[in-house]
Amino acid sequence: QYAESGGQAKLGLLDQPFQTTPLAMICTCYAVFMCQPREALPFAIRGLSLHPGDWTVLNAALLVFVRAGDFGRAEDTLSHLDRVANTHVTRAFAYAGRGMLAFARGDIFGGRRNYEAAIAESRHAKRPDMIFSAVAFYLLAEATAGTIDRASLLKSDGNIVSAMKKVPAENREYCARLWRSLKTQVEAGVEKAVDPSLKIEPSPVLLAAEQLPSTLELDIGL
């Protein structure tokens, strides 16, 4: 399914080489859903050269660079994203990207702080889909770092499924597909030993995951 979507996006890019949507779709498909970020590296690099000020391209390229382990390009991309992040929405993506990079570099506590900030900006933007996405990627980062146990995952998964019902209908299908893909990756990470010194509780971000449905009702009025 995702290979087909990525292939269609590549064809779309041939027809409209300067469009941002196919570039972002290719990066997201390969980096997130197919776990093949290196396949998207040429497209991420091309996207930045063609659209250095487009935050959607910057965010998609950042996903590719972090997940491919290209931290130098990721940091440069984050610097560009920071410069154009002038709304709650764009700042949320910038914080989430910085959180992802921090986790990938082993800075667990810095990663948590940035994901917490991303969730706060998403609440200000009144975007439950973005809160959902930030929490999902945060759980993946914790699992990949080996700092989340199965009991915490099961508890968070139940709340995430409930929270999906709070997401507007037009975004719900994407959120469901995103969590199905990320959950598989999270479960693989959970098999790692948990380092007691990095135990997630009482991380405010984990609390956001566990209390997501009620938090959405409180802050957004759904």
N, C-alpha and C. Protein backbone atom coordinates (compact mmCIF):
# COMPACT_ATOMS: atom_id res chain seq x y z
N GLN A 1 0.83 -1.21 0.00
CA GLN A 1 0.00 0.00 0.00
C GLN A 1 0.86 1.26 0.00
N TYR A 2 1.82 1.35 0.94
CA TYR A 2 2.64 2.55 1.03
C TYR A 2 3.65 2.61 -0.10
N ALA A 3 4.13 1.45 -0.56
CA ALA A 3 5.03 1.43 -1.71
C ALA A 3 4.32 2.00 -2.93
N GLU A 4 3.04 1.63 -3.07
CA GLU A 4 2.25 2.14 -4.20
C GLU A 4 2.05 3.65 -4.07
N SER A 5 1.77 4.11 -2.86
CA SER A 5 1.59 5.55 -2.64
C SER A 5 2.88 6.31 -2.95
N GLY A 6 3.99 5.76 -2.48
CA GLY A 6 5.28 6.40 -2.75
C GLY A 6 5.57 6.43 -4.23
N GLY A 7 5.25 5.32 -4.93
CA GLY A 7 5.46 5.28 -6.38
C GLY A 7 4.60 6.28 -7.11
N GLN A 8 3.35 6.42 -6.68
CA GLN A 8 2.46 7.41 -7.30
C GLN A 8 2.97 8.83 -7.07
N ALA A 9 3.49 9.07 -5.88
CA ALA A 9 4.04 10.39 -5.58
C ALA A 9 5.24 10.69 -6.47
N LYS A 10 6.06 9.66 -6.73
CA LYS A 10 7.21 9.86 -7.62
C LYS A 10 6.75 10.20 -9.03
N LEU A 11 5.67 9.52 -9.49
CA LEU A 11 5.14 9.83 -10.82
C LEU A 11 4.58 11.24 -10.85
N GLY A 12 3.90 11.63 -9.74
CA GLY A 12 3.38 12.99 -9.67
C GLY A 12 4.47 14.02 -9.72
N LEU A 13 5.61 13.68 -9.14
CA LEU A 13 6.75 14.60 -9.13
C LEU A 13 7.33 14.77 -10.53
N LEU A 14 7.26 13.70 -11.33
CA LEU A 14 7.73 13.81 -12.71
C LEU A 14 6.85 14.76 -13.51
N ASP A 15 5.54 14.71 -13.26
CA ASP A 15 4.61 15.59 -13.97
C ASP A 15 4.72 17.03 -13.49
N GLN A 16 4.90 17.20 -12.17
CA GLN A 16 4.95 18.55 -11.58
C GLN A 16 6.18 18.65 -10.67
N PRO A 17 7.35 18.79 -11.25
CA PRO A 17 8.60 18.70 -10.48
C PRO A 17 8.78 19.78 -9.42
N PHE A 18 8.01 20.86 -9.50
CA PHE A 18 8.19 21.93 -8.53
C PHE A 18 7.10 21.96 -7.47
N GLN A 19 6.23 20.96 -7.46
CA GLN A 19 5.18 20.89 -6.45
C GLN A 19 5.74 20.34 -5.14
N THR A 20 5.26 20.88 -4.03
CA THR A 20 5.76 20.45 -2.73
C THR A 20 5.07 19.19 -2.22
N THR A 21 3.80 18.98 -2.57
CA THR A 21 3.05 17.86 -2.02
C THR A 21 3.66 16.50 -2.34
N PRO A 22 4.03 16.21 -3.61
CA PRO A 22 4.64 14.90 -3.88
C PRO A 22 5.95 14.70 -3.13
N LEU A 23 6.76 15.75 -2.99
CA LEU A 23 8.02 15.62 -2.27
C LEU A 23 7.78 15.24 -0.80
N ALA A 24 6.84 15.96 -0.18
CA ALA A 24 6.53 15.67 1.23
C ALA A 24 5.96 14.27 1.38
N MET A 25 5.13 13.84 0.42
CA MET A 25 4.52 12.51 0.51
C MET A 25 5.57 11.42 0.37
N ILE A 26 6.50 11.58 -0.55
CA ILE A 26 7.57 10.60 -0.73
C ILE A 26 8.39 10.47 0.55
N CYS A 27 8.77 11.61 1.12
CA CYS A 27 9.58 11.60 2.33
C CYS A 27 8.85 10.90 3.48
N THR A 28 7.57 11.22 3.63
CA THR A 28 6.80 10.65 4.73
C THR A 28 6.57 9.16 4.54
N CYS A 29 6.22 8.74 3.32
CA CYS A 29 5.97 7.33 3.03
C CYS A 29 7.20 6.48 3.36
N TYR A 30 8.35 6.91 2.85
CA TYR A 30 9.55 6.09 3.01
C TYR A 30 10.14 6.20 4.42
N ALA A 31 10.10 7.39 5.00
CA ALA A 31 10.73 7.56 6.32
C ALA A 31 9.89 7.02 7.45
N VAL A 32 8.56 7.16 7.36
CA VAL A 32 7.69 6.81 8.48
C VAL A 32 7.00 5.47 8.25
N PHE A 33 6.29 5.34 7.14
CA PHE A 33 5.43 4.17 6.96
C PHE A 33 6.19 2.94 6.45
N MET A 34 7.25 3.15 5.67
CA MET A 34 7.98 2.02 5.11
C MET A 34 9.32 1.77 5.81
N CYS A 35 9.71 2.68 6.70
CA CYS A 35 10.98 2.55 7.44
C CYS A 35 12.17 2.38 6.50
N GLN A 36 12.15 3.12 5.39
CA GLN A 36 13.25 3.11 4.43
C GLN A 36 13.69 4.54 4.14
N PRO A 37 14.14 5.25 5.18
CA PRO A 37 14.43 6.67 4.99
C PRO A 37 15.52 6.96 3.96
N ARG A 38 16.46 6.04 3.80
CA ARG A 38 17.55 6.30 2.85
C ARG A 38 17.05 6.34 1.41
N GLU A 39 15.93 5.65 1.15
CA GLU A 39 15.34 5.71 -0.19
C GLU A 39 14.85 7.12 -0.51
N ALA A 40 14.52 7.87 0.54
CA ALA A 40 13.96 9.21 0.34
C ALA A 40 15.01 10.31 0.43
N LEU A 41 16.25 9.96 0.76
CA LEU A 41 17.28 10.99 0.92
C LEU A 41 17.43 11.90 -0.31
N PRO A 42 17.50 11.36 -1.54
CA PRO A 42 17.64 12.25 -2.70
C PRO A 42 16.48 13.22 -2.84
N PHE A 43 15.27 12.77 -2.47
CA PHE A 43 14.09 13.62 -2.59
C PHE A 43 14.08 14.70 -1.50
N ALA A 44 14.54 14.33 -0.30
CA ALA A 44 14.63 15.32 0.77
C ALA A 44 15.63 16.41 0.41
N ILE A 45 16.78 16.01 -0.11
CA ILE A 45 17.81 16.97 -0.50
C ILE A 45 17.31 17.86 -1.64
N ARG A 46 16.64 17.23 -2.60
CA ARG A 46 16.08 18.00 -3.72
C ARG A 46 15.02 18.98 -3.24
N GLY A 47 14.17 18.52 -2.33
CA GLY A 47 13.12 19.39 -1.82
C GLY A 47 13.67 20.63 -1.14
N LEU A 48 14.74 20.46 -0.39
CA LEU A 48 15.34 21.61 0.29
C LEU A 48 15.96 22.59 -0.69
N SER A 49 16.53 22.06 -1.77
CA SER A 49 17.14 22.96 -2.76
C SER A 49 16.09 23.75 -3.53
N LEU A 50 14.93 23.12 -3.75
CA LEU A 50 13.87 23.79 -4.51
C LEU A 50 12.98 24.67 -3.63
N HIS A 51 12.78 24.26 -2.37
CA HIS A 51 11.82 24.95 -1.50
C HIS A 51 12.43 25.18 -0.12
N PRO A 52 13.49 25.96 -0.03
CA PRO A 52 14.20 26.12 1.25
C PRO A 52 13.39 26.83 2.33
N GLY A 53 12.29 27.50 1.94
CA GLY A 53 11.49 28.23 2.91
C GLY A 53 10.12 27.64 3.16
N ASP A 54 9.85 26.46 2.59
CA ASP A 54 8.53 25.83 2.75
C ASP A 54 8.57 24.91 3.96
N TRP A 55 7.77 25.21 4.98
CA TRP A 55 7.89 24.46 6.23
C TRP A 55 7.42 23.01 6.09
N THR A 56 6.49 22.74 5.17
CA THR A 56 6.05 21.35 4.99
C THR A 56 7.17 20.49 4.40
N VAL A 57 7.91 21.06 3.47
CA VAL A 57 9.05 20.34 2.90
C VAL A 57 10.17 20.20 3.93
N LEU A 58 10.41 21.27 4.67
CA LEU A 58 11.44 21.21 5.71
C LEU A 58 11.12 20.13 6.73
N ASN A 59 9.87 20.05 7.15
CA ASN A 59 9.48 19.05 8.14
C ASN A 59 9.62 17.64 7.58
N ALA A 60 9.18 17.44 6.34
CA ALA A 60 9.28 16.11 5.73
C ALA A 60 10.74 15.69 5.55
N ALA A 61 11.57 16.63 5.11
CA ALA A 61 12.99 16.33 4.94
C ALA A 61 13.64 16.02 6.29
N LEU A 62 13.23 16.74 7.31
CA LEU A 62 13.77 16.50 8.65
C LEU A 62 13.48 15.07 9.12
N LEU A 63 12.27 14.58 8.87
CA LEU A 63 11.93 13.20 9.20
C LEU A 63 12.91 12.23 8.54
N VAL A 64 13.18 12.48 7.28
CA VAL A 64 14.09 11.61 6.53
C VAL A 64 15.48 11.64 7.12
N PHE A 65 16.01 12.84 7.36
CA PHE A 65 17.39 12.95 7.83
C PHE A 65 17.57 12.33 9.21
N VAL A 66 16.63 12.58 10.11
CA VAL A 66 16.75 12.02 11.46
C VAL A 66 16.70 10.50 11.41
N ARG A 67 15.72 9.98 10.68
CA ARG A 67 15.53 8.53 10.67
C ARG A 67 16.62 7.82 9.86
N ALA A 68 17.29 8.57 8.98
CA ALA A 68 18.41 8.00 8.23
C ALA A 68 19.73 8.15 8.98
N GLY A 69 19.69 8.87 10.11
CA GLY A 69 20.91 9.07 10.89
C GLY A 69 21.81 10.16 10.35
N ASP A 70 21.29 11.00 9.46
CA ASP A 70 22.07 12.11 8.90
C ASP A 70 21.84 13.34 9.78
N PHE A 71 22.49 13.36 10.94
CA PHE A 71 22.20 14.38 11.94
C PHE A 71 22.69 15.77 11.54
N GLY A 72 23.74 15.83 10.73
CA GLY A 72 24.23 17.13 10.27
C GLY A 72 23.19 17.83 9.42
N ARG A 73 22.65 17.12 8.43
CA ARG A 73 21.60 17.71 7.59
C ARG A 73 20.35 17.99 8.42
N ALA A 74 20.06 17.11 9.38
CA ALA A 74 18.89 17.32 10.22
C ALA A 74 19.00 18.62 11.01
N GLU A 75 20.16 18.88 11.56
CA GLU A 75 20.36 20.11 12.33
C GLU A 75 20.24 21.34 11.44
N ASP A 76 20.82 21.28 10.26
CA ASP A 76 20.70 22.41 9.31
C ASP A 76 19.25 22.64 8.94
N THR A 77 18.51 21.56 8.70
CA THR A 77 17.10 21.68 8.34
C THR A 77 16.29 22.27 9.49
N LEU A 78 16.61 21.85 10.71
CA LEU A 78 15.92 22.41 11.87
C LEU A 78 16.16 23.90 12.00
N SER A 79 17.36 24.34 11.70
CA SER A 79 17.67 25.78 11.77
C SER A 79 16.79 26.55 10.79
N HIS A 80 16.62 26.01 9.59
CA HIS A 80 15.73 26.65 8.61
C HIS A 80 14.28 26.61 9.08
N LEU A 81 13.87 25.47 9.65
CA LEU A 81 12.49 25.35 10.13
C LEU A 81 12.23 26.32 11.27
N ASP A 82 13.19 26.48 12.16
CA ASP A 82 13.04 27.44 13.26
C ASP A 82 12.80 28.85 12.72
N ARG A 83 13.48 29.20 11.63
CA ARG A 83 13.38 30.57 11.10
C ARG A 83 12.01 30.85 10.50
N VAL A 84 11.32 29.82 9.99
CA VAL A 84 10.01 30.05 9.38
C VAL A 84 8.87 29.67 10.32
N ALA A 85 9.20 29.17 11.50
CA ALA A 85 8.17 28.74 12.46
C ALA A 85 7.64 29.94 13.23
N ASN A 86 6.60 30.56 12.68
CA ASN A 86 6.06 31.78 13.28
C ASN A 86 4.59 31.65 13.68
N THR A 87 4.08 30.42 13.73
CA THR A 87 2.72 30.18 14.20
C THR A 87 2.76 29.01 15.19
N HIS A 88 1.66 28.79 15.90
CA HIS A 88 1.59 27.66 16.82
C HIS A 88 1.80 26.35 16.06
N VAL A 89 1.21 26.25 14.87
CA VAL A 89 1.31 25.02 14.09
C VAL A 89 2.76 24.75 13.69
N THR A 90 3.42 25.74 13.10
CA THR A 90 4.78 25.52 12.63
C THR A 90 5.75 25.34 13.80
N ARG A 91 5.51 26.05 14.89
CA ARG A 91 6.38 25.87 16.06
C ARG A 91 6.21 24.47 16.65
N ALA A 92 4.99 23.94 16.61
CA ALA A 92 4.78 22.57 17.10
C ALA A 92 5.61 21.57 16.31
N PHE A 93 5.63 21.72 14.99
CA PHE A 93 6.44 20.82 14.17
C PHE A 93 7.93 21.01 14.44
N ALA A 94 8.35 22.25 14.65
CA ALA A 94 9.77 22.51 14.93
C ALA A 94 10.19 21.86 16.24
N TYR A 95 9.37 22.02 17.28
CA TYR A 95 9.68 21.40 18.57
C TYR A 95 9.70 19.88 18.46
N ALA A 96 8.72 19.32 17.76
CA ALA A 96 8.67 17.86 17.60
C ALA A 96 9.91 17.36 16.86
N GLY A 97 10.31 18.09 15.84
CA GLY A 97 11.51 17.70 15.09
C GLY A 97 12.75 17.75 15.96
N ARG A 98 12.84 18.77 16.79
CA ARG A 98 13.99 18.89 17.68
C ARG A 98 13.95 17.78 18.73
N GLY A 99 12.73 17.41 19.18
CA GLY A 99 12.61 16.30 20.12
C GLY A 99 13.06 14.99 19.49
N MET A 100 12.65 14.76 18.25
CA MET A 100 13.04 13.54 17.55
C MET A 100 14.55 13.45 17.40
N LEU A 101 15.17 14.57 17.02
CA LEU A 101 16.61 14.59 16.84
C LEU A 101 17.33 14.38 18.17
N ALA A 102 16.83 14.99 19.23
CA ALA A 102 17.45 14.83 20.55
C ALA A 102 17.42 13.37 20.97
N PHE A 103 16.28 12.71 20.83
CA PHE A 103 16.18 11.29 21.17
C PHE A 103 17.16 10.47 20.34
N ALA A 104 17.23 10.76 19.04
CA ALA A 104 18.10 9.99 18.15
C ALA A 104 19.57 10.14 18.55
N ARG A 105 19.90 11.28 19.13
CA ARG A 105 21.28 11.52 19.57
C ARG A 105 21.54 11.03 20.99
N GLY A 106 20.50 10.51 21.64
CA GLY A 106 20.67 9.99 22.99
C GLY A 106 20.36 10.97 24.10
N ASP A 107 19.85 12.15 23.72
CA ASP A 107 19.49 13.16 24.72
C ASP A 107 18.03 12.95 25.10
N ILE A 108 17.79 12.00 26.01
CA ILE A 108 16.43 11.61 26.35
C ILE A 108 15.65 12.76 26.98
N PHE A 109 16.28 13.43 27.93
CA PHE A 109 15.55 14.48 28.66
C PHE A 109 15.31 15.71 27.77
N GLY A 110 16.27 16.03 26.90
CA GLY A 110 16.04 17.10 25.94
C GLY A 110 14.93 16.76 24.97
N GLY A 111 14.87 15.49 24.56
CA GLY A 111 13.80 15.06 23.67
C GLY A 111 12.45 15.21 24.31
N ARG A 112 12.34 14.83 25.58
CA ARG A 112 11.06 14.95 26.28
C ARG A 112 10.62 16.40 26.39
N ARG A 113 11.57 17.28 26.73
CA ARG A 113 11.22 18.71 26.85
C ARG A 113 10.67 19.26 25.54
N ASN A 114 11.29 18.87 24.44
CA ASN A 114 10.85 19.39 23.15
C ASN A 114 9.51 18.81 22.73
N TYR A 115 9.28 17.54 23.00
CA TYR A 115 7.96 16.97 22.67
C TYR A 115 6.87 17.58 23.54
N GLU A 116 7.21 17.86 24.80
CA GLU A 116 6.24 18.54 25.67
C GLU A 116 5.88 19.90 25.09
N ALA A 117 6.89 20.63 24.60
CA ALA A 117 6.64 21.95 23.99
C ALA A 117 5.82 21.80 22.71
N ALA A 118 6.07 20.74 21.94
CA ALA A 118 5.30 20.51 20.71
C ALA A 118 3.83 20.28 21.02
N ILE A 119 3.56 19.51 22.08
CA ILE A 119 2.18 19.25 22.47
C ILE A 119 1.51 20.54 22.96
N ALA A 120 2.25 21.36 23.70
CA ALA A 120 1.70 22.63 24.18
C ALA A 120 1.34 23.54 23.01
N GLU A 121 2.22 23.63 22.01
CA GLU A 121 1.93 24.47 20.84
C GLU A 121 0.73 23.92 20.07
N SER A 122 0.61 22.60 20.00
CA SER A 122 -0.52 21.99 19.30
C SER A 122 -1.83 22.30 20.01
N ARG A 123 -1.79 22.34 21.34
CA ARG A 123 -2.99 22.71 22.10
C ARG A 123 -3.37 24.16 21.82
N HIS A 124 -2.36 25.04 21.79
CA HIS A 124 -2.64 26.44 21.49
C HIS A 124 -3.27 26.58 20.09
N ALA A 125 -2.82 25.73 19.17
CA ALA A 125 -3.36 25.76 17.81
C ALA A 125 -4.73 25.11 17.71
N LYS A 126 -5.18 24.46 18.81
CA LYS A 126 -6.45 23.73 18.83
C LYS A 126 -6.49 22.69 17.72
N ARG A 127 -5.40 21.89 17.68
CA ARG A 127 -5.26 20.85 16.67
C ARG A 127 -5.08 19.48 17.33
N PRO A 128 -6.19 18.80 17.64
CA PRO A 128 -6.09 17.48 18.27
C PRO A 128 -5.33 16.47 17.43
N ASP A 129 -5.39 16.60 16.10
CA ASP A 129 -4.64 15.68 15.25
C ASP A 129 -3.14 15.84 15.46
N MET A 130 -2.69 17.08 15.69
CA MET A 130 -1.27 17.32 15.91
C MET A 130 -0.83 16.85 17.30
N ILE A 131 -1.71 17.01 18.30
CA ILE A 131 -1.40 16.47 19.62
C ILE A 131 -1.24 14.96 19.50
N PHE A 132 -2.16 14.33 18.81
CA PHE A 132 -2.13 12.89 18.61
C PHE A 132 -0.81 12.47 17.95
N SER A 133 -0.44 13.16 16.89
CA SER A 133 0.77 12.82 16.15
C SER A 133 2.02 13.00 17.01
N ALA A 134 2.06 14.10 17.77
CA ALA A 134 3.23 14.36 18.63
C ALA A 134 3.38 13.28 19.68
N VAL A 135 2.27 12.87 20.30
CA VAL A 135 2.34 11.82 21.33
C VAL A 135 2.76 10.50 20.71
N ALA A 136 2.25 10.18 19.52
CA ALA A 136 2.60 8.92 18.86
C ALA A 136 4.10 8.86 18.55
N PHE A 137 4.63 9.94 18.01
CA PHE A 137 6.06 9.97 17.69
C PHE A 137 6.90 9.99 18.97
N TYR A 138 6.38 10.64 20.00
CA TYR A 138 7.09 10.64 21.28
C TYR A 138 7.21 9.22 21.84
N LEU A 139 6.11 8.46 21.81
CA LEU A 139 6.15 7.08 22.30
C LEU A 139 7.13 6.24 21.49
N LEU A 140 7.19 6.47 20.18
CA LEU A 140 8.16 5.76 19.35
C LEU A 140 9.58 6.10 19.78
N ALA A 141 9.82 7.39 20.06
CA ALA A 141 11.17 7.80 20.47
C ALA A 141 11.57 7.15 21.79
N GLU A 142 10.63 7.10 22.75
CA GLU A 142 10.92 6.45 24.04
C GLU A 142 11.20 4.96 23.83
N ALA A 143 10.38 4.32 23.01
CA ALA A 143 10.54 2.88 22.79
C ALA A 143 11.86 2.59 22.09
N THR A 144 12.20 3.40 21.09
CA THR A 144 13.46 3.20 20.37
C THR A 144 14.65 3.38 21.30
N ALA A 145 14.50 4.31 22.27
CA ALA A 145 15.57 4.54 23.24
C ALA A 145 15.62 3.45 24.31
N GLY A 146 14.61 2.58 24.35
CA GLY A 146 14.57 1.52 25.34
C GLY A 146 14.16 1.99 26.72
N THR A 147 13.34 3.05 26.78
CA THR A 147 12.98 3.63 28.08
C THR A 147 11.51 3.47 28.42
N ILE A 148 10.78 2.68 27.66
CA ILE A 148 9.36 2.46 27.95
C ILE A 148 9.12 0.96 28.09
N ASP A 149 8.34 0.58 29.08
CA ASP A 149 8.05 -0.84 29.28
C ASP A 149 6.69 -1.19 28.69
N ARG A 150 6.40 -2.50 28.63
CA ARG A 150 5.18 -2.95 27.97
C ARG A 150 3.92 -2.48 28.70
N ALA A 151 3.97 -2.41 30.01
CA ALA A 151 2.79 -1.96 30.77
C ALA A 151 2.45 -0.52 30.42
N SER A 152 3.47 0.33 30.33
CA SER A 152 3.23 1.73 29.95
C SER A 152 2.71 1.82 28.53
N LEU A 153 3.24 0.99 27.64
CA LEU A 153 2.77 1.00 26.26
C LEU A 153 1.30 0.61 26.17
N LEU A 154 0.92 -0.45 26.87
CA LEU A 154 -0.47 -0.89 26.82
C LEU A 154 -1.41 0.18 27.34
N LYS A 155 -1.01 0.84 28.43
CA LYS A 155 -1.84 1.90 28.99
C LYS A 155 -1.97 3.06 28.01
N SER A 156 -0.84 3.46 27.43
CA SER A 156 -0.86 4.58 26.49
C SER A 156 -1.63 4.23 25.23
N ASP A 157 -1.50 2.98 24.77
CA ASP A 157 -2.20 2.56 23.55
C ASP A 157 -3.70 2.67 23.73
N GLY A 158 -4.20 2.25 24.88
CA GLY A 158 -5.63 2.35 25.13
C GLY A 158 -6.12 3.79 25.10
N ASN A 159 -5.33 4.68 25.67
CA ASN A 159 -5.72 6.09 25.67
C ASN A 159 -5.59 6.72 24.30
N ILE A 160 -4.60 6.28 23.53
CA ILE A 160 -4.44 6.81 22.18
C ILE A 160 -5.62 6.41 21.30
N VAL A 161 -6.06 5.17 21.44
CA VAL A 161 -7.22 4.71 20.66
C VAL A 161 -8.45 5.52 21.03
N SER A 162 -8.63 5.79 22.33
CA SER A 162 -9.76 6.62 22.76
C SER A 162 -9.62 8.04 22.22
N ALA A 163 -8.40 8.54 22.27
CA ALA A 163 -8.16 9.91 21.82
C ALA A 163 -8.43 10.09 20.33
N MET A 164 -8.26 9.01 19.57
CA MET A 164 -8.49 9.11 18.13
C MET A 164 -9.92 9.54 17.82
N LYS A 165 -10.83 9.18 18.72
CA LYS A 165 -12.22 9.56 18.52
C LYS A 165 -12.42 11.06 18.65
N LYS A 166 -11.46 11.74 19.31
CA LYS A 166 -11.56 13.18 19.48
C LYS A 166 -11.03 13.95 18.27
N VAL A 167 -10.32 13.23 17.40
CA VAL A 167 -9.74 13.88 16.23
C VAL A 167 -10.83 14.11 15.20
N PRO A 168 -10.87 15.28 14.56
CA PRO A 168 -11.89 15.54 13.54
C PRO A 168 -11.89 14.46 12.46
N ALA A 169 -13.07 14.19 11.93
CA ALA A 169 -13.25 13.08 11.00
C ALA A 169 -12.29 13.15 9.82
N GLU A 170 -12.02 14.36 9.33
CA GLU A 170 -11.18 14.48 8.14
C GLU A 170 -9.72 14.10 8.41
N ASN A 171 -9.32 14.07 9.67
CA ASN A 171 -7.94 13.71 10.02
C ASN A 171 -7.84 12.32 10.66
N ARG A 172 -8.98 11.72 10.98
CA ARG A 172 -8.97 10.50 11.79
C ARG A 172 -8.36 9.32 11.05
N GLU A 173 -8.63 9.19 9.76
CA GLU A 173 -8.10 8.05 9.01
C GLU A 173 -6.57 8.10 8.97
N TYR A 174 -6.04 9.28 8.73
CA TYR A 174 -4.57 9.41 8.70
C TYR A 174 -3.98 9.07 10.07
N CYS A 175 -4.59 9.57 11.14
CA CYS A 175 -4.08 9.29 12.48
C CYS A 175 -4.12 7.79 12.78
N ALA A 176 -5.17 7.12 12.33
CA ALA A 176 -5.28 5.68 12.55
C ALA A 176 -4.18 4.94 11.80
N ARG A 177 -3.92 5.33 10.54
CA ARG A 177 -2.86 4.68 9.77
C ARG A 177 -1.50 4.97 10.39
N LEU A 178 -1.32 6.20 10.86
CA LEU A 178 -0.05 6.57 11.47
C LEU A 178 0.22 5.71 12.71
N TRP A 179 -0.79 5.56 13.58
CA TRP A 179 -0.57 4.79 14.80
C TRP A 179 -0.39 3.31 14.51
N ARG A 180 -1.09 2.78 13.51
CA ARG A 180 -0.88 1.37 13.16
C ARG A 180 0.57 1.13 12.76
N SER A 181 1.11 2.06 11.99
CA SER A 181 2.50 1.91 11.55
C SER A 181 3.48 2.12 12.70
N LEU A 182 3.28 3.19 13.46
CA LEU A 182 4.21 3.49 14.54
C LEU A 182 4.12 2.48 15.67
N LYS A 183 2.92 1.95 15.92
CA LYS A 183 2.77 0.99 17.02
C LYS A 183 3.63 -0.24 16.79
N THR A 184 3.69 -0.70 15.54
CA THR A 184 4.55 -1.84 15.22
C THR A 184 6.00 -1.54 15.56
N GLN A 185 6.44 -0.32 15.24
CA GLN A 185 7.81 0.08 15.54
C GLN A 185 8.01 0.26 17.04
N VAL A 186 6.98 0.79 17.71
CA VAL A 186 7.07 0.96 19.17
C VAL A 186 7.20 -0.39 19.85
N GLU A 187 6.40 -1.36 19.42
CA GLU A 187 6.44 -2.68 20.04
C GLU A 187 7.81 -3.33 19.86
N ALA A 188 8.44 -3.08 18.71
CA ALA A 188 9.78 -3.62 18.50
C ALA A 188 10.77 -3.00 19.48
N GLY A 189 10.60 -1.70 19.75
CA GLY A 189 11.49 -1.02 20.67
C GLY A 189 11.27 -1.43 22.11
N VAL A 190 10.04 -1.80 22.45
CA VAL A 190 9.71 -2.17 23.83
C VAL A 190 10.45 -3.42 24.26
N GLU A 191 10.85 -4.24 23.28
CA GLU A 191 11.55 -5.47 23.61
C GLU A 191 12.93 -5.20 24.23
N LYS A 192 13.41 -3.96 24.10
CA LYS A 192 14.70 -3.62 24.70
C LYS A 192 14.56 -3.54 26.22
N ALA A 193 15.69 -3.69 26.91
CA ALA A 193 15.69 -3.55 28.37
C ALA A 193 15.50 -2.08 28.74
N VAL A 194 14.70 -1.85 29.77
CA VAL A 194 14.47 -0.49 30.24
C VAL A 194 15.58 -0.10 31.21
N ASP A 195 16.21 1.04 30.94
CA ASP A 195 17.24 1.56 31.83
C ASP A 195 16.54 2.29 32.98
N PRO A 196 16.66 1.81 34.22
CA PRO A 196 15.94 2.44 35.34
C PRO A 196 16.27 3.93 35.51
N SER A 197 17.47 4.34 35.15
CA SER A 197 17.85 5.75 35.33
C SER A 197 17.14 6.65 34.34
N LEU A 198 16.58 6.06 33.27
CA LEU A 198 15.88 6.84 32.25
C LEU A 198 14.38 6.56 32.25
N LYS A 199 13.90 5.97 33.32
CA LYS A 199 12.48 5.60 33.40
C LYS A 199 11.61 6.80 33.10
N ILE A 200 10.56 6.61 32.33
CA ILE A 200 9.81 7.75 31.81
C ILE A 200 8.98 8.48 32.86
N GLU A 201 8.42 7.75 33.83
CA GLU A 201 7.65 8.48 34.83
C GLU A 201 8.57 9.35 35.68
N PRO A 202 8.14 10.57 36.07
CA PRO A 202 6.82 11.16 35.78
C PRO A 202 6.89 12.16 34.64
N SER A 203 7.33 11.71 33.47
CA SER A 203 7.45 12.60 32.32
C SER A 203 6.11 13.26 31.99
N PRO A 204 6.08 14.59 31.88
CA PRO A 204 4.83 15.26 31.51
C PRO A 204 4.31 14.81 30.15
N VAL A 205 5.24 14.38 29.28
CA VAL A 205 4.78 13.94 27.96
C VAL A 205 4.06 12.61 28.08
N LEU A 206 4.57 11.71 28.91
CA LEU A 206 3.87 10.45 29.11
C LEU A 206 2.50 10.69 29.73
N LEU A 207 2.44 11.62 30.68
CA LEU A 207 1.15 11.94 31.27
C LEU A 207 0.19 12.47 30.21
N ALA A 208 0.73 13.23 29.26
CA ALA A 208 -0.11 13.73 28.16
C ALA A 208 -0.65 12.56 27.35
N ALA A 209 0.18 11.53 27.15
CA ALA A 209 -0.29 10.36 26.41
C ALA A 209 -1.36 9.61 27.20
N GLU A 210 -1.15 9.47 28.51
CA GLU A 210 -2.09 8.71 29.32
C GLU A 210 -3.40 9.45 29.54
N GLN A 211 -3.36 10.78 29.48
CA GLN A 211 -4.54 11.58 29.78
C GLN A 211 -5.06 12.30 28.53
N LEU A 212 -4.67 11.80 27.37
CA LEU A 212 -4.97 12.53 26.14
C LEU A 212 -6.46 12.81 25.93
N PRO A 213 -7.36 11.86 26.10
CA PRO A 213 -8.77 12.17 25.85
C PRO A 213 -9.30 13.29 26.75
N SER A 214 -9.06 13.21 28.06
CA SER A 214 -9.57 14.24 28.95
C SER A 214 -8.88 15.56 28.72
N THR A 215 -7.57 15.51 28.35
CA THR A 215 -6.84 16.74 28.07
C THR A 215 -7.44 17.45 26.87
N LEU A 216 -7.80 16.69 25.85
CA LEU A 216 -8.41 17.30 24.67
C LEU A 216 -9.74 17.96 25.04
N GLU A 217 -10.52 17.29 25.86
CA GLU A 217 -11.81 17.86 26.27
C GLU A 217 -11.59 19.16 27.04
N LEU A 218 -10.58 19.18 27.88
CA LEU A 218 -10.34 20.34 28.72
C LEU A 218 -9.82 21.53 27.91
N ASP A 219 -8.83 21.26 27.06
CA ASP A 219 -8.14 22.36 26.38
C ASP A 219 -8.80 22.79 25.08
N ILE A 220 -9.52 21.87 24.44
CA ILE A 220 -10.04 22.20 23.11
C ILE A 220 -11.55 22.21 23.09
N GLY A 221 -12.16 21.67 24.10
CA GLY A 221 -13.60 21.73 24.21
C GLY A 221 -14.34 20.79 23.30
N LEU A 222 -13.71 19.65 22.98
CA LEU A 222 -14.39 18.69 22.12
C LEU A 222 -15.44 17.93 22.90
